[in-house]
Each structure stands twice: as C-alpha cells, then as structure tokens.
Amino acid sequence: QVQLVESGGGLVHPGGSLNLSCAASGFIFSVQGMGWYRQAPGKERELVAGISWTGYNTYYTDSLKGRFTISRDNAKNTVTLQMNSLEPADTAVYYCNKWVGVPFNWGQGTQVTVSS
C-alpha cells in the first residue's frame, strides 16, 4: 500500500524558510520520479517542482524564481523541498506524489502559511 507522508510545514514570516519532507513507502521509490505540489485555498492543485528518479533532472514552475530546491534520498525513500524567501502567495497545502503519470492516492499534505 502506497503511503506518502508530508511534514515540515508551519507558519513563517515573509522572507523566511521552510524545509518540507516526504516519506514514501509501498512502491519502488528509487525508480520513480517525484514531485511537490501545492493547493492554495480556492485554487487547483499545481505542480511546484519535480525530480527524476536519479535526481539528476529537476523541474521548477516559473513562478518560483529559484527560491525552492527539490532533492531526494533514495536510500531513505524521502524527497524534500527547501523553500527560501517565502512569500504570502506560497501559502498552501503542499503534497508530494509522482512527477508524471497517474498519481498515487494523495497524502494529507503539510500546511505552509506565510504571513506577517
């Protein structure tokens, strides 16, 4: 049974940083491209960043302007998202899942709130 457990969210002031983590189990993580998604209130879920199974290839949505970094540890079955220079527009619930293809069942996500 696939499980995706996101953690690391919280309340942060504008300009602050957070490091999100996703613990994956129930599938062969080391050969699966992974992505981080977010869903803001009243908006559809969107892909924020993706990383290939090797970790060599990454993708970021244009709006991030280099503020986020995705990485993975195939030995620990984890994918992380380092978020810097956070803005109120980054407020959302963040999820991890496949980078491409039919997604697994979504986890509960982790809430990120950027507010002064």
Protein backbone atom coordinates (compact mmCIF):
# COMPACT_ATOMS: atom_id res chain seq x y z
CA GLN A 1 0.00 0.00 0.00
CA VAL A 2 1.44 3.31 -1.09
CA GLN A 3 1.92 5.87 1.64
CA LEU A 4 3.08 9.45 1.22
CA VAL A 5 3.60 11.36 4.44
CA GLU A 6 4.44 15.04 4.19
CA SER A 7 5.86 17.07 7.04
CA GLY A 8 7.73 20.26 7.83
CA GLY A 9 5.11 22.89 7.16
CA GLY A 10 4.21 25.71 9.50
CA LEU A 11 3.72 29.43 9.92
CA VAL A 12 6.56 31.62 8.72
CA HIS A 13 7.05 35.33 8.11
CA PRO A 14 7.61 36.64 4.59
CA GLY A 15 11.23 36.10 3.63
CA GLY A 16 11.53 33.06 5.86
CA SER A 17 12.42 29.47 5.01
CA LEU A 18 10.98 26.02 5.48
CA ASN A 19 12.17 22.54 4.60
CA LEU A 20 9.45 20.09 3.67
CA SER A 21 9.96 16.35 3.73
CA CYS A 22 8.01 13.48 2.22
CA ALA A 23 8.43 9.91 3.41
CA ALA A 24 7.35 7.40 0.80
CA SER A 25 6.62 3.69 1.10
CA GLY A 26 4.78 0.92 -0.68
CA PHE A 27 6.43 1.30 -4.09
CA ILE A 28 9.91 1.23 -5.60
CA PHE A 29 10.84 4.80 -4.76
CA SER A 30 14.28 4.71 -6.33
CA VAL A 31 12.89 4.37 -9.87
CA GLN A 32 10.04 6.84 -9.53
CA GLY A 33 10.24 10.49 -10.50
CA MET A 34 8.72 12.55 -7.69
CA GLY A 35 7.16 15.96 -7.45
CA TRP A 36 5.96 18.50 -4.96
CA TYR A 37 2.54 20.03 -5.50
CA ARG A 38 0.59 22.70 -3.70
CA GLN A 39 -3.03 23.71 -3.41
CA ALA A 40 -3.93 27.18 -2.25
CA PRO A 41 -7.41 27.99 -0.93
CA GLY A 42 -9.88 28.17 -3.79
CA LYS A 43 -7.34 27.06 -6.37
CA GLU A 44 -6.49 23.84 -8.15
CA ARG A 45 -3.54 21.75 -7.10
CA GLU A 46 -0.45 22.65 -9.11
CA LEU A 47 2.97 21.10 -9.67
CA VAL A 48 5.68 23.12 -7.97
CA ALA A 49 8.81 21.06 -8.58
CA GLY A 50 9.82 17.66 -9.92
CA ILE A 51 12.88 15.44 -9.69
CA SER A 52 13.82 12.42 -11.77
CA TRP A 53 14.46 9.03 -10.19
CA THR A 54 18.21 9.59 -10.43
CA GLY A 55 17.99 13.08 -9.01
CA TYR A 56 19.92 14.45 -11.98
CA ASN A 57 16.98 16.19 -13.63
CA THR A 58 14.79 18.73 -11.89
CA TYR A 59 11.90 20.97 -12.84
CA TYR A 60 10.51 24.10 -11.22
CA THR A 61 7.47 26.12 -12.09
CA ASP A 62 8.46 29.53 -13.43
CA SER A 63 6.85 31.44 -10.60
CA LEU A 64 9.34 30.12 -8.05
CA LYS A 65 12.18 32.26 -9.43
CA GLY A 66 14.83 29.95 -7.99
CA ARG A 67 13.59 30.16 -4.41
CA PHE A 68 12.84 26.43 -3.99
CA THR A 69 15.12 23.40 -4.27
CA ILE A 70 13.91 19.83 -4.62
CA SER A 71 16.12 16.90 -3.66
CA ARG A 72 15.79 13.22 -2.85
CA ASP A 73 17.47 10.48 -0.86
CA ASN A 74 16.80 7.11 -2.46
CA ALA A 75 18.38 5.30 0.48
CA LYS A 76 15.82 6.82 2.84
CA ASN A 77 12.86 6.97 0.43
CA THR A 78 12.45 10.67 1.02
CA VAL A 79 12.02 13.73 -1.15
CA THR A 80 12.50 17.21 0.25
CA LEU A 81 11.64 20.75 -0.77
CA GLN A 82 13.78 23.55 0.59
CA MET A 83 11.82 26.77 0.38
CA ASN A 84 13.54 30.12 0.79
CA SER A 85 12.40 33.74 0.53
CA LEU A 86 8.84 32.67 1.15
CA GLU A 87 6.03 34.95 0.05
CA PRO A 88 2.38 35.13 1.12
CA ALA A 89 1.49 33.71 -2.32
CA ASP A 90 3.27 30.50 -1.29
CA THR A 91 0.61 29.82 1.33
CA ALA A 92 -0.92 26.44 0.50
CA VAL A 93 -1.09 22.81 1.46
CA TYR A 94 1.93 21.05 0.00
CA TYR A 95 1.87 17.45 -1.21
CA CYS A 96 4.30 15.01 -2.76
CA ASN A 97 3.41 12.47 -5.44
CA LYS A 98 4.63 11.17 -8.78
CA TRP A 99 6.17 13.81 -11.00
CA VAL A 100 4.32 12.49 -14.05
CA GLY A 101 1.66 9.88 -14.70
CA VAL A 102 -1.41 8.89 -12.78
CA PRO A 103 -0.79 9.98 -9.21
CA PHE A 104 -0.86 7.73 -6.21
CA ASN A 105 -3.53 8.39 -3.62
CA TRP A 106 -2.72 11.77 -2.13
CA GLY A 107 -1.41 12.09 1.38
CA GLN A 108 -2.70 14.61 3.88
CA GLY A 109 -0.19 17.22 2.88
CA THR A 110 1.51 19.78 5.07
CA GLN A 111 0.21 23.31 5.56
CA VAL A 112 2.52 26.22 4.78
CA THR A 113 1.33 29.64 5.85
CA VAL A 114 3.35 32.74 5.04
CA SER A 115 2.11 35.74 6.94
CA SER A 116 3.37 38.68 8.90
